[in-house]
């Protein structure tokens, strides 16, 4: 009887130890900007903000883990590919969501970024959502708004996909997708390494003063991957306003137009082509413009397509 009691005691302890080990292993800790976020379980009611972040969720096959998305129709339209991907999901807010919207959807996860659904000091932040059990993962590119960060890199986008893979326990799928993107990018850019970089300006919006991409915005990384150099890469911001005088002085050879909103890419091109102040800019003299859709110019799965488009335009014969 004594031997049986000892055996039962040992078995019970093994079960308890195994159980606690299992619980510990199930937790996942992720670096999100300057925070470490720990997930005790896989999110079941996720919400993403903006078209590019939502597409990251979709390319990973996570629509069944989502209760909706926010921040698209207020500024942008969905193309056919995106409409198909989110057809079963509601748009909970046309622009940045309020805290009440996220709580009302019973969300347990919010994939957003600084100036991609959240504002520094605003009502929706990781801290304001924490009391309601909503975990936040921040878009890597956007971390520059709250901490010191290296310049924008396509690795920022890879990092987000890999972290989402860890959070949702689909690491193999995320690794496979990132590997395919890396291989495709290497193939696209293998023949341009020895070329002198073209001078490129990113024209997002604005007529009195241009809104453009700086050192910490994804277009800088896309332009460099395609064999160019952003003439505003000493502008130590993500996105922001510069002067037309600076653009004229730096004389870009190519102008990349970001297409979204009420003013079309063609209207932006026409504004530059017909304004006498820009007549001596090489890109204007040679009518060398290339358009990137918003979803291509911001961190997301279509960044590889964007580089392909840029390579074709930069080095056209």
C-alpha atoms as a PDB file:
ATOM      1  CA  UNK A   1       0.000   0.000   0.000  1.00  0.00           C
ATOM      2  CA  UNK A   2       2.851   2.331   0.850  1.00  0.00           C
ATOM      3  CA  UNK A   3       4.463   1.691  -2.557  1.00  0.00           C
ATOM      4  CA  UNK A   4       1.157   2.426  -4.328  1.00  0.00           C
ATOM      5  CA  UNK A   5       0.807   5.700  -2.422  1.00  0.00           C
ATOM      6  CA  UNK A   6       4.305   6.737  -3.450  1.00  0.00           C
ATOM      7  CA  UNK A   7       3.567   5.892  -7.102  1.00  0.00           C
ATOM      8  CA  UNK A   8       0.319   7.913  -7.001  1.00  0.00           C
ATOM      9  CA  UNK A   9       2.193  10.831  -5.426  1.00  0.00           C
ATOM     10  CA  UNK A  10       4.843  10.740  -8.155  1.00  0.00           C
ATOM     11  CA  UNK A  11       2.253  10.502 -10.939  1.00  0.00           C
ATOM     12  CA  UNK A  12       0.273  13.409  -9.486  1.00  0.00           C
ATOM     13  CA  UNK A  13       3.402  15.546  -9.297  1.00  0.00           C
ATOM     14  CA  UNK A  14       4.343  14.681 -12.877  1.00  0.00           C
ATOM     15  CA  UNK A  15       0.894  15.737 -14.070  1.00  0.00           C
ATOM     16  CA  UNK A  16       1.117  18.992 -12.159  1.00  0.00           C
ATOM     17  CA  UNK A  17       4.635  19.743 -13.416  1.00  0.00           C
ATOM     18  CA  UNK A  18       3.680  18.873 -16.991  1.00  0.00           C
ATOM     19  CA  UNK A  19       0.574  21.017 -16.714  1.00  0.00           C
ATOM     20  CA  UNK A  20       2.467  24.041 -15.452  1.00  0.00           C
ATOM     21  CA  UNK A  21       5.141  23.525 -18.103  1.00  0.00           C
ATOM     22  CA  UNK A  22       2.456  23.385 -20.769  1.00  0.00           C
ATOM     23  CA  UNK A  23       0.936  26.619 -19.508  1.00  0.00           C
ATOM     24  CA  UNK A  24       4.320  28.322 -19.513  1.00  0.00           C
ATOM     25  CA  UNK A  25       5.130  27.131 -23.021  1.00  0.00           C
ATOM     26  CA  UNK A  26       1.772  28.345 -24.344  1.00  0.00           C
ATOM     27  CA  UNK A  27       2.658  31.944 -23.490  1.00  0.00           C
ATOM     28  CA  UNK A  28       4.198  34.048 -26.257  1.00  0.00           C
ATOM     29  CA  UNK A  29       6.182  37.229 -25.662  1.00  0.00           C
ATOM     30  CA  UNK A  30       6.636  39.687 -28.532  1.00  0.00           C
ATOM     31  CA  UNK A  31       8.621  42.903 -28.811  1.00  0.00           C
ATOM     32  CA  UNK A  32       6.280  45.674 -29.933  1.00  0.00           C
ATOM     33  CA  UNK A  33       8.187  48.959 -30.305  1.00  0.00           C
ATOM     34  CA  UNK A  34       9.529  49.633 -26.797  1.00  0.00           C
ATOM     35  CA  UNK A  35       7.211  47.166 -25.050  1.00  0.00           C
ATOM     36  CA  UNK A  36       7.194  43.441 -24.450  1.00  0.00           C
ATOM     37  CA  UNK A  37       3.694  42.044 -24.945  1.00  0.00           C
ATOM     38  CA  UNK A  38       2.865  38.616 -23.542  1.00  0.00           C
ATOM     39  CA  UNK A  39       0.011  36.561 -24.963  1.00  0.00           C
ATOM     40  CA  UNK A  40      -1.424  33.834 -22.743  1.00  0.00           C
ATOM     41  CA  UNK A  41      -3.459  32.470 -25.626  1.00  0.00           C
ATOM     42  CA  UNK A  42      -4.078  33.017 -29.329  1.00  0.00           C
ATOM     43  CA  UNK A  43      -6.326  36.032 -30.007  1.00  0.00           C
ATOM     44  CA  UNK A  44      -9.806  35.083 -31.174  1.00  0.00           C
ATOM     45  CA  UNK A  45     -11.363  38.512 -31.756  1.00  0.00           C
ATOM     46  CA  UNK A  46      -8.741  40.584 -33.543  1.00  0.00           C
ATOM     47  CA  UNK A  47      -9.185  43.962 -35.219  1.00  0.00           C
ATOM     48  CA  UNK A  48      -6.740  45.541 -37.661  1.00  0.00           C
ATOM     49  CA  UNK A  49      -6.543  49.178 -38.694  1.00  0.00           C
ATOM     50  CA  UNK A  50      -5.793  50.453 -42.214  1.00  0.00           C
ATOM     51  CA  UNK A  51      -5.633  48.641 -45.506  1.00  0.00           C
ATOM     52  CA  UNK A  52      -2.002  47.512 -45.331  1.00  0.00           C
ATOM     53  CA  UNK A  53      -2.196  46.076 -41.807  1.00  0.00           C
ATOM     54  CA  UNK A  54      -5.466  44.342 -42.660  1.00  0.00           C
ATOM     55  CA  UNK A  55      -3.822  42.785 -45.709  1.00  0.00           C
ATOM     56  CA  UNK A  56      -1.040  41.386 -43.503  1.00  0.00           C
ATOM     57  CA  UNK A  57      -3.701  39.607 -41.466  1.00  0.00           C
ATOM     58  CA  UNK A  58      -5.374  38.311 -44.619  1.00  0.00           C
ATOM     59  CA  UNK A  59      -2.206  37.016 -46.296  1.00  0.00           C
ATOM     60  CA  UNK A  60      -1.567  34.987 -43.135  1.00  0.00           C
ATOM     61  CA  UNK A  61      -5.070  33.514 -43.368  1.00  0.00           C
ATOM     62  CA  UNK A  62      -6.295  35.089 -40.126  1.00  0.00           C
ATOM     63  CA  UNK A  63      -9.714  36.376 -41.178  1.00  0.00           C
ATOM     64  CA  UNK A  64     -11.384  33.702 -39.025  1.00  0.00           C
ATOM     65  CA  UNK A  65      -9.612  35.195 -36.006  1.00  0.00           C
ATOM     66  CA  UNK A  66     -10.950  38.686 -36.729  1.00  0.00           C
ATOM     67  CA  UNK A  67     -14.163  40.445 -35.720  1.00  0.00           C
ATOM     68  CA  UNK A  68     -13.619  43.356 -38.095  1.00  0.00           C
ATOM     69  CA  UNK A  69     -11.307  46.072 -39.355  1.00  0.00           C
ATOM     70  CA  UNK A  70     -11.133  49.860 -39.165  1.00  0.00           C
ATOM     71  CA  UNK A  71      -9.713  52.919 -40.877  1.00  0.00           C
ATOM     72  CA  UNK A  72     -10.087  52.205 -44.579  1.00  0.00           C
ATOM     73  CA  UNK A  73     -13.150  53.662 -46.294  1.00  0.00           C
ATOM     74  CA  UNK A  74     -12.693  57.078 -44.676  1.00  0.00           C
ATOM     75  CA  UNK A  75      -9.619  57.669 -46.823  1.00  0.00           C
ATOM     76  CA  UNK A  76      -9.141  54.821 -49.247  1.00  0.00           C
ATOM     77  CA  UNK A  77     -11.017  52.279 -51.340  1.00  0.00           C
ATOM     78  CA  UNK A  78     -10.588  48.525 -51.400  1.00  0.00           C
ATOM     79  CA  UNK A  79      -9.525  46.907 -54.642  1.00  0.00           C
ATOM     80  CA  UNK A  80     -11.092  43.632 -55.778  1.00  0.00           C
ATOM     81  CA  UNK A  81      -8.472  41.500 -54.040  1.00  0.00           C
ATOM     82  CA  UNK A  82      -9.050  43.199 -50.702  1.00  0.00           C
ATOM     83  CA  UNK A  83     -12.840  43.253 -51.024  1.00  0.00           C
ATOM     84  CA  UNK A  84     -12.805  39.501 -51.493  1.00  0.00           C
ATOM     85  CA  UNK A  85     -10.584  39.044 -48.456  1.00  0.00           C
ATOM     86  CA  UNK A  86     -12.747  41.042 -46.052  1.00  0.00           C
ATOM     87  CA  UNK A  87     -16.201  40.280 -47.467  1.00  0.00           C
ATOM     88  CA  UNK A  88     -17.243  38.423 -44.306  1.00  0.00           C
ATOM     89  CA  UNK A  89     -15.863  41.112 -41.973  1.00  0.00           C
ATOM     90  CA  UNK A  90     -17.502  44.402 -40.974  1.00  0.00           C
ATOM     91  CA  UNK A  91     -15.724  47.743 -41.086  1.00  0.00           C
ATOM     92  CA  UNK A  92     -16.238  48.925 -37.517  1.00  0.00           C
ATOM     93  CA  UNK A  93     -15.028  52.476 -38.111  1.00  0.00           C
ATOM     94  CA  UNK A  94     -14.328  54.302 -41.367  1.00  0.00           C
ATOM     95  CA  UNK A  95     -11.407  56.190 -39.827  1.00  0.00           C
ATOM     96  CA  UNK A  96      -9.473  55.729 -36.575  1.00  0.00           C
ATOM     97  CA  UNK A  97     -11.586  53.715 -34.128  1.00  0.00           C
ATOM     98  CA  UNK A  98     -12.635  55.036 -30.760  1.00  0.00           C
ATOM     99  CA  UNK A  99     -11.957  53.053 -27.621  1.00  0.00           C
ATOM    100  CA  UNK A 100     -15.700  52.394 -27.408  1.00  0.00           C
ATOM    101  CA  UNK A 101     -15.730  50.808 -30.879  1.00  0.00           C
ATOM    102  CA  UNK A 102     -13.008  48.339 -29.930  1.00  0.00           C
ATOM    103  CA  UNK A 103     -14.560  47.525 -26.568  1.00  0.00           C
ATOM    104  CA  UNK A 104     -18.004  47.206 -28.145  1.00  0.00           C
ATOM    105  CA  UNK A 105     -16.691  44.599 -30.588  1.00  0.00           C
ATOM    106  CA  UNK A 106     -15.355  42.599 -27.624  1.00  0.00           C
ATOM    107  CA  UNK A 107     -11.904  42.715 -29.231  1.00  0.00           C
ATOM    108  CA  UNK A 108      -8.983  40.933 -27.597  1.00  0.00           C
ATOM    109  CA  UNK A 109      -6.308  42.156 -30.048  1.00  0.00           C
ATOM    110  CA  UNK A 110      -5.684  45.367 -32.006  1.00  0.00           C
ATOM    111  CA  UNK A 111      -3.095  45.468 -34.784  1.00  0.00           C
ATOM    112  CA  UNK A 112      -2.393  49.143 -35.389  1.00  0.00           C
ATOM    113  CA  UNK A 113       0.434  51.636 -35.448  1.00  0.00           C
ATOM    114  CA  UNK A 114       1.318  55.187 -34.547  1.00  0.00           C
ATOM    115  CA  UNK A 115      -0.479  57.286 -37.157  1.00  0.00           C
ATOM    116  CA  UNK A 116      -2.003  53.994 -38.338  1.00  0.00           C
ATOM    117  CA  UNK A 117      -4.974  53.973 -35.980  1.00  0.00           C
ATOM    118  CA  UNK A 118      -3.323  55.421 -32.877  1.00  0.00           C
ATOM    119  CA  UNK A 119      -2.002  58.888 -32.030  1.00  0.00           C
ATOM    120  CA  UNK A 120       0.643  59.640 -29.424  1.00  0.00           C
ATOM    121  CA  UNK A 121      -1.280  60.953 -26.413  1.00  0.00           C
ATOM    122  CA  UNK A 122      -4.597  60.032 -28.060  1.00  0.00           C
ATOM    123  CA  UNK A 123      -7.575  58.150 -26.601  1.00  0.00           C
ATOM    124  CA  UNK A 124      -6.589  54.819 -28.177  1.00  0.00           C
ATOM    125  CA  UNK A 125      -3.177  53.528 -27.128  1.00  0.00           C
ATOM    126  CA  UNK A 126      -1.818  50.256 -25.716  1.00  0.00           C
ATOM    127  CA  UNK A 127      -2.121  51.780 -22.225  1.00  0.00           C
ATOM    128  CA  UNK A 128      -5.741  52.919 -22.586  1.00  0.00           C
ATOM    129  CA  UNK A 129      -6.810  49.543 -24.001  1.00  0.00           C
ATOM    130  CA  UNK A 130      -4.978  47.413 -21.433  1.00  0.00           C
ATOM    131  CA  UNK A 131      -7.687  47.660 -18.713  1.00  0.00           C
ATOM    132  CA  UNK A 132     -10.174  46.161 -21.171  1.00  0.00           C
ATOM    133  CA  UNK A 133      -8.060  43.117 -21.999  1.00  0.00           C
ATOM    134  CA  UNK A 134      -7.193  44.312 -25.516  1.00  0.00           C
ATOM    135  CA  UNK A 135      -3.592  43.494 -26.433  1.00  0.00           C
ATOM    136  CA  UNK A 136      -1.943  45.791 -28.974  1.00  0.00           C
ATOM    137  CA  UNK A 137       0.785  44.961 -31.460  1.00  0.00           C
ATOM    138  CA  UNK A 138       2.314  48.056 -33.105  1.00  0.00           C
ATOM    139  CA  UNK A 139       3.391  48.285 -36.736  1.00  0.00           C
ATOM    140  CA  UNK A 140       7.200  48.250 -36.711  1.00  0.00           C
ATOM    141  CA  UNK A 141       7.647  51.130 -39.175  1.00  0.00           C
ATOM    142  CA  UNK A 142       5.541  53.359 -36.930  1.00  0.00           C
ATOM    143  CA  UNK A 143       7.747  52.864 -33.853  1.00  0.00           C
ATOM    144  CA  UNK A 144       9.800  55.882 -34.929  1.00  0.00           C
ATOM    145  CA  UNK A 145       7.046  58.093 -33.469  1.00  0.00           C
ATOM    146  CA  UNK A 146       7.729  56.921 -29.912  1.00  0.00           C
ATOM    147  CA  UNK A 147      11.334  55.684 -29.857  1.00  0.00           C
ATOM    148  CA  UNK A 148      14.679  55.860 -31.597  1.00  0.00           C
ATOM    149  CA  UNK A 149      14.704  53.584 -34.631  1.00  0.00           C
ATOM    150  CA  UNK A 150      16.841  52.796 -37.652  1.00  0.00           C
ATOM    151  CA  UNK A 151      15.668  54.049 -41.040  1.00  0.00           C
ATOM    152  CA  UNK A 152      12.812  52.253 -42.755  1.00  0.00           C
ATOM    153  CA  UNK A 153      13.564  48.782 -44.075  1.00  0.00           C
ATOM    154  CA  UNK A 154      11.603  46.079 -45.845  1.00  0.00           C
ATOM    155  CA  UNK A 155      12.709  43.968 -42.870  1.00  0.00           C
ATOM    156  CA  UNK A 156      10.197  46.022 -40.846  1.00  0.00           C
ATOM    157  CA  UNK A 157       7.400  44.432 -42.846  1.00  0.00           C
ATOM    158  CA  UNK A 158       8.949  40.970 -42.537  1.00  0.00           C
ATOM    159  CA  UNK A 159       9.245  41.500 -38.782  1.00  0.00           C
ATOM    160  CA  UNK A 160       5.525  42.239 -38.502  1.00  0.00           C
ATOM    161  CA  UNK A 161       4.531  39.135 -40.446  1.00  0.00           C
ATOM    162  CA  UNK A 162       6.849  36.955 -38.369  1.00  0.00           C
ATOM    163  CA  UNK A 163       5.572  38.435 -35.096  1.00  0.00           C
ATOM    164  CA  UNK A 164       1.954  37.917 -36.162  1.00  0.00           C
ATOM    165  CA  UNK A 165       2.921  34.330 -36.956  1.00  0.00           C
ATOM    166  CA  UNK A 166       4.173  33.896 -33.385  1.00  0.00           C
ATOM    167  CA  UNK A 167       1.150  35.606 -31.829  1.00  0.00           C
ATOM    168  CA  UNK A 168      -1.333  33.459 -33.767  1.00  0.00           C
ATOM    169  CA  UNK A 169       0.753  30.243 -33.561  1.00  0.00           C
ATOM    170  CA  UNK A 170       1.306  29.986 -37.313  1.00  0.00           C
ATOM    171  CA  UNK A 171       5.068  30.492 -37.343  1.00  0.00           C
ATOM    172  CA  UNK A 172       5.689  28.012 -40.160  1.00  0.00           C
ATOM    173  CA  UNK A 173       3.262  29.777 -42.474  1.00  0.00           C
ATOM    174  CA  UNK A 174       4.690  33.215 -41.659  1.00  0.00           C
ATOM    175  CA  UNK A 175       8.259  31.965 -42.155  1.00  0.00           C
ATOM    176  CA  UNK A 176       7.318  30.466 -45.517  1.00  0.00           C
ATOM    177  CA  UNK A 177       5.670  33.679 -46.736  1.00  0.00           C
ATOM    178  CA  UNK A 178       8.601  35.836 -45.663  1.00  0.00           C
ATOM    179  CA  UNK A 179      11.059  33.446 -47.291  1.00  0.00           C
ATOM    180  CA  UNK A 180       9.153  33.659 -50.582  1.00  0.00           C
ATOM    181  CA  UNK A 181       9.143  37.472 -50.393  1.00  0.00           C
ATOM    182  CA  UNK A 182      12.886  37.555 -49.732  1.00  0.00           C
ATOM    183  CA  UNK A 183      13.561  35.265 -52.688  1.00  0.00           C
ATOM    184  CA  UNK A 184      11.327  37.270 -55.009  1.00  0.00           C
ATOM    185  CA  UNK A 185      12.957  40.535 -53.955  1.00  0.00           C
ATOM    186  CA  UNK A 186      16.450  39.108 -54.503  1.00  0.00           C
ATOM    187  CA  UNK A 187      15.457  37.988 -57.986  1.00  0.00           C
ATOM    188  CA  UNK A 188      13.946  41.390 -58.838  1.00  0.00           C
ATOM    189  CA  UNK A 189      16.980  43.387 -57.752  1.00  0.00           C
ATOM    190  CA  UNK A 190      19.918  41.166 -58.705  1.00  0.00           C
ATOM    191  CA  UNK A 191      20.768  43.130 -61.879  1.00  0.00           C
ATOM    192  CA  UNK A 192      20.683  46.667 -60.463  1.00  0.00           C
ATOM    193  CA  UNK A 193      23.332  46.494 -57.733  1.00  0.00           C
ATOM    194  CA  UNK A 194      26.049  48.124 -59.871  1.00  0.00           C
ATOM    195  CA  UNK A 195      23.917  50.972 -61.219  1.00  0.00           C
ATOM    196  CA  UNK A 196      24.265  54.520 -59.914  1.00  0.00           C
ATOM    197  CA  UNK A 197      21.187  55.298 -57.806  1.00  0.00           C
ATOM    198  CA  UNK A 198      18.525  57.516 -59.345  1.00  0.00           C
ATOM    199  CA  UNK A 199      17.392  60.565 -57.385  1.00  0.00           C
ATOM    200  CA  UNK A 200      13.743  60.086 -56.408  1.00  0.00           C
ATOM    201  CA  UNK A 201      11.112  62.289 -54.757  1.00  0.00           C
ATOM    202  CA  UNK A 202       7.938  60.886 -53.203  1.00  0.00           C
ATOM    203  CA  UNK A 203       4.904  63.091 -53.823  1.00  0.00           C
ATOM    204  CA  UNK A 204       2.109  62.114 -51.487  1.00  0.00           C
ATOM    205  CA  UNK A 205      -0.104  65.194 -51.510  1.00  0.00           C
ATOM    206  CA  UNK A 206      -0.302  68.953 -51.164  1.00  0.00           C
ATOM    207  CA  UNK A 207       0.086  71.850 -53.598  1.00  0.00           C
ATOM    208  CA  UNK A 208       1.217  74.781 -51.449  1.00  0.00           C
ATOM    209  CA  UNK A 209       3.696  72.511 -49.665  1.00  0.00           C
ATOM    210  CA  UNK A 210       4.364  68.861 -50.496  1.00  0.00           C
ATOM    211  CA  UNK A 211       3.731  66.043 -48.040  1.00  0.00           C
ATOM    212  CA  UNK A 212       6.405  63.403 -48.542  1.00  0.00           C
ATOM    213  CA  UNK A 213       8.189  60.328 -47.202  1.00  0.00           C
ATOM    214  CA  UNK A 214      11.283  60.837 -45.074  1.00  0.00           C
ATOM    215  CA  UNK A 215      14.011  58.576 -43.729  1.00  0.00           C
ATOM    216  CA  UNK A 216      11.684  56.471 -41.580  1.00  0.00           C
ATOM    217  CA  UNK A 217       8.902  55.844 -44.110  1.00  0.00           C
ATOM    218  CA  UNK A 218       8.632  52.643 -46.137  1.00  0.00           C
ATOM    219  CA  UNK A 219       9.000  54.307 -49.583  1.00  0.00           C
ATOM    220  CA  UNK A 220      12.627  55.118 -48.713  1.00  0.00           C
ATOM    221  CA  UNK A 221      13.312  51.384 -48.331  1.00  0.00           C
ATOM    222  CA  UNK A 222      11.367  50.521 -51.496  1.00  0.00           C
ATOM    223  CA  UNK A 223      13.227  53.151 -53.521  1.00  0.00           C
ATOM    224  CA  UNK A 224      16.607  51.919 -52.273  1.00  0.00           C
ATOM    225  CA  UNK A 225      15.715  48.293 -53.030  1.00  0.00           C
ATOM    226  CA  UNK A 226      14.865  49.346 -56.593  1.00  0.00           C
ATOM    227  CA  UNK A 227      18.190  51.131 -57.077  1.00  0.00           C
ATOM    228  CA  UNK A 228      17.202  54.687 -56.208  1.00  0.00           C
ATOM    229  CA  UNK A 229      17.811  57.237 -53.477  1.00  0.00           C
ATOM    230  CA  UNK A 230      15.102  59.251 -51.787  1.00  0.00           C
ATOM    231  CA  UNK A 231      16.184  62.895 -52.146  1.00  0.00           C
ATOM    232  CA  UNK A 232      14.503  63.523 -48.777  1.00  0.00           C
ATOM    233  CA  UNK A 233      16.291  60.775 -46.883  1.00  0.00           C
ATOM    234  CA  UNK A 234      17.878  63.421 -44.631  1.00  0.00           C
ATOM    235  CA  UNK A 235      14.356  64.431 -43.548  1.00  0.00           C
ATOM    236  CA  UNK A 236      14.372  62.598 -40.224  1.00  0.00           C
ATOM    237  CA  UNK A 237      10.697  61.877 -40.021  1.00  0.00           C
ATOM    238  CA  UNK A 238       8.388  59.183 -41.274  1.00  0.00           C
ATOM    239  CA  UNK A 239       5.968  61.321 -43.294  1.00  0.00           C
ATOM    240  CA  UNK A 240       5.813  65.086 -43.221  1.00  0.00           C
ATOM    241  CA  UNK A 241       5.777  68.412 -45.055  1.00  0.00           C
ATOM    242  CA  UNK A 242       8.792  69.954 -46.788  1.00  0.00           C
ATOM    243  CA  UNK A 243       9.104  72.898 -49.193  1.00  0.00           C
ATOM    244  CA  UNK A 244       8.970  72.916 -52.975  1.00  0.00           C
ATOM    245  CA  UNK A 245      12.246  74.848 -52.944  1.00  0.00           C
ATOM    246  CA  UNK A 246      13.956  71.844 -51.372  1.00  0.00           C
ATOM    247  CA  UNK A 247      12.515  69.571 -54.054  1.00  0.00           C
ATOM    248  CA  UNK A 248      13.650  71.875 -56.879  1.00  0.00           C
ATOM    249  CA  UNK A 249      17.137  72.208 -55.379  1.00  0.00           C
ATOM    250  CA  UNK A 250      17.554  68.428 -55.172  1.00  0.00           C
ATOM    251  CA  UNK A 251      16.349  67.952 -58.750  1.00  0.00           C
ATOM    252  CA  UNK A 252      14.858  64.442 -58.654  1.00  0.00           C
ATOM    253  CA  UNK A 253      15.108  62.297 -61.756  1.00  0.00           C
ATOM    254  CA  UNK A 254      11.973  60.353 -60.875  1.00  0.00           C
ATOM    255  CA  UNK A 255       8.840  61.309 -58.961  1.00  0.00           C
ATOM    256  CA  UNK A 256       6.897  58.589 -57.162  1.00  0.00           C
ATOM    257  CA  UNK A 257       3.253  59.547 -56.664  1.00  0.00           C
ATOM    258  CA  UNK A 258       1.273  57.910 -53.860  1.00  0.00           C
ATOM    259  CA  UNK A 259      -2.265  57.341 -55.082  1.00  0.00           C
ATOM    260  CA  UNK A 260      -5.149  57.678 -52.625  1.00  0.00           C
ATOM    261  CA  UNK A 261      -7.777  60.170 -51.518  1.00  0.00           C
ATOM    262  CA  UNK A 262      -9.779  62.675 -53.529  1.00  0.00           C
ATOM    263  CA  UNK A 263      -6.903  63.954 -55.672  1.00  0.00           C
ATOM    264  CA  UNK A 264      -5.905  61.318 -58.209  1.00  0.00           C
ATOM    265  CA  UNK A 265      -2.373  60.386 -59.195  1.00  0.00           C
ATOM    266  CA  UNK A 266      -2.986  61.856 -62.657  1.00  0.00           C
ATOM    267  CA  UNK A 267      -4.103  65.161 -61.137  1.00  0.00           C
ATOM    268  CA  UNK A 268      -0.929  65.279 -59.021  1.00  0.00           C
ATOM    269  CA  UNK A 269       1.191  64.582 -62.088  1.00  0.00           C
ATOM    270  CA  UNK A 270      -0.654  67.242 -64.094  1.00  0.00           C
ATOM    271  CA  UNK A 271      -0.082  69.790 -61.304  1.00  0.00           C
ATOM    272  CA  UNK A 272       3.667  69.237 -61.486  1.00  0.00           C
ATOM    273  CA  UNK A 273       3.851  69.051 -65.275  1.00  0.00           C
ATOM    274  CA  UNK A 274       1.989  72.339 -65.794  1.00  0.00           C
ATOM    275  CA  UNK A 275       3.549  74.415 -63.012  1.00  0.00           C
ATOM    276  CA  UNK A 276       6.360  76.621 -64.423  1.00  0.00           C
ATOM    277  CA  UNK A 277       8.196  76.463 -61.103  1.00  0.00           C
ATOM    278  CA  UNK A 278       8.951  72.793 -61.725  1.00  0.00           C
ATOM    279  CA  UNK A 279       9.929  73.083 -65.391  1.00  0.00           C
ATOM    280  CA  UNK A 280      13.647  72.498 -64.783  1.00  0.00           C
ATOM    281  CA  UNK A 281      13.257  69.417 -62.597  1.00  0.00           C
ATOM    282  CA  UNK A 282      14.651  66.444 -64.536  1.00  0.00           C
ATOM    283  CA  UNK A 283      11.682  64.215 -63.652  1.00  0.00           C
ATOM    284  CA  UNK A 284       9.296  66.833 -65.057  1.00  0.00           C
ATOM    285  CA  UNK A 285      11.387  67.536 -68.163  1.00  0.00           C
ATOM    286  CA  UNK A 286      11.450  63.794 -68.939  1.00  0.00           C
ATOM    287  CA  UNK A 287       7.906  63.104 -67.702  1.00  0.00           C
ATOM    288  CA  UNK A 288       9.311  60.394 -65.455  1.00  0.00           C
ATOM    289  CA  UNK A 289       6.592  59.602 -62.924  1.00  0.00           C
ATOM    290  CA  UNK A 290       5.589  56.298 -61.359  1.00  0.00           C
ATOM    291  CA  UNK A 291       2.503  55.676 -59.253  1.00  0.00           C
ATOM    292  CA  UNK A 292       2.313  53.525 -56.139  1.00  0.00           C
ATOM    293  CA  UNK A 293      -1.023  52.759 -54.562  1.00  0.00           C
ATOM    294  CA  UNK A 294      -1.256  53.563 -50.853  1.00  0.00           C
ATOM    295  CA  UNK A 295      -1.313  49.854 -50.012  1.00  0.00           C
ATOM    296  CA  UNK A 296       1.945  49.421 -51.962  1.00  0.00           C
ATOM    297  CA  UNK A 297       3.707  52.392 -50.397  1.00  0.00           C
ATOM    298  CA  UNK A 298       2.969  51.476 -46.777  1.00  0.00           C
ATOM    299  CA  UNK A 299       4.307  48.380 -44.956  1.00  0.00           C
ATOM    300  CA  UNK A 300       2.530  45.265 -46.148  1.00  0.00           C
ATOM    301  CA  UNK A 301       2.507  42.286 -48.510  1.00  0.00           C
ATOM    302  CA  UNK A 302       2.386  44.478 -51.620  1.00  0.00           C
ATOM    303  CA  UNK A 303       5.780  46.033 -50.920  1.00  0.00           C
ATOM    304  CA  UNK A 304       7.397  43.431 -53.190  1.00  0.00           C
ATOM    305  CA  UNK A 305       5.027  44.354 -56.016  1.00  0.00           C
ATOM    306  CA  UNK A 306       5.913  47.996 -55.372  1.00  0.00           C
ATOM    307  CA  UNK A 307       9.644  47.308 -55.773  1.00  0.00           C
ATOM    308  CA  UNK A 308       8.916  45.439 -59.007  1.00  0.00           C
ATOM    309  CA  UNK A 309       6.973  48.438 -60.305  1.00  0.00           C
ATOM    310  CA  UNK A 310       9.757  50.832 -59.301  1.00  0.00           C
ATOM    311  CA  UNK A 311      12.497  48.721 -60.902  1.00  0.00           C
ATOM    312  CA  UNK A 312      10.550  48.604 -64.153  1.00  0.00           C
ATOM    313  CA  UNK A 313      10.026  52.376 -64.145  1.00  0.00           C
ATOM    314  CA  UNK A 314      13.483  53.402 -62.923  1.00  0.00           C
ATOM    315  CA  UNK A 315      15.379  51.359 -65.463  1.00  0.00           C
ATOM    316  CA  UNK A 316      13.009  51.395 -68.425  1.00  0.00           C
ATOM    317  CA  UNK A 317      14.710  51.527 -71.805  1.00  0.00           C
END
